[in-house]
Amino acid sequence: MENQRDQNSFWTKYRKFATTEILMYLIMIIGIGLGIVILS
């Protein structure tokens, strides 16, 4: 039972980290795309 809780906490932490990473990359890609459109 203890092991299950540890795994769940690990997954929730990882999911939070993954969502922030994906959001960061999305913002970066959108920023680069906008920069290209504005500069061209």
Protein backbone atom coordinates (compact mmCIF):
# COMPACT_ATOMS: atom_id res chain seq x y z
CA MET A 1 0.00 0.00 0.00
CA GLU A 2 2.84 2.37 0.89
CA ASN A 3 4.56 1.70 -2.44
CA GLN A 4 1.39 2.56 -4.37
CA ARG A 5 1.17 5.97 -2.70
CA ASP A 6 4.82 6.70 -3.50
CA GLN A 7 4.26 5.82 -7.15
CA ASN A 8 1.17 8.06 -7.33
CA SER A 9 3.02 11.04 -5.84
CA PHE A 10 5.87 10.45 -8.30
CA TRP A 11 3.46 10.40 -11.24
CA THR A 12 1.62 13.54 -10.13
CA LYS A 13 4.95 15.37 -9.73
CA TYR A 14 6.13 14.13 -13.13
CA ARG A 15 2.86 15.12 -14.82
CA LYS A 16 3.11 18.64 -13.33
CA PHE A 17 6.73 18.90 -14.54
CA ALA A 18 5.82 17.57 -18.01
CA THR A 19 2.93 20.03 -18.44
CA THR A 20 5.15 22.99 -17.51
CA GLU A 21 7.83 21.75 -19.95
CA ILE A 22 5.28 21.35 -22.78
CA LEU A 23 3.81 24.80 -22.08
CA MET A 24 7.30 26.33 -22.12
CA TYR A 25 8.10 24.70 -25.47
CA LEU A 26 4.73 25.73 -26.93
CA ILE A 27 5.25 29.36 -25.87
CA MET A 28 8.78 29.26 -27.32
CA ILE A 29 7.55 27.85 -30.66
CA ILE A 30 4.70 30.36 -30.86
CA GLY A 31 7.13 33.20 -30.04
CA ILE A 32 9.56 32.08 -32.78
CA GLY A 33 6.70 31.75 -35.27
CA LEU A 34 5.40 35.22 -34.46
CA GLY A 35 8.91 36.64 -34.72
CA ILE A 36 9.35 35.13 -38.20
CA VAL A 37 5.95 36.46 -39.35
CA ILE A 38 6.65 39.96 -37.98
CA LEU A 39 10.20 40.11 -39.40
CA SER A 40 9.29 38.82 -42.84
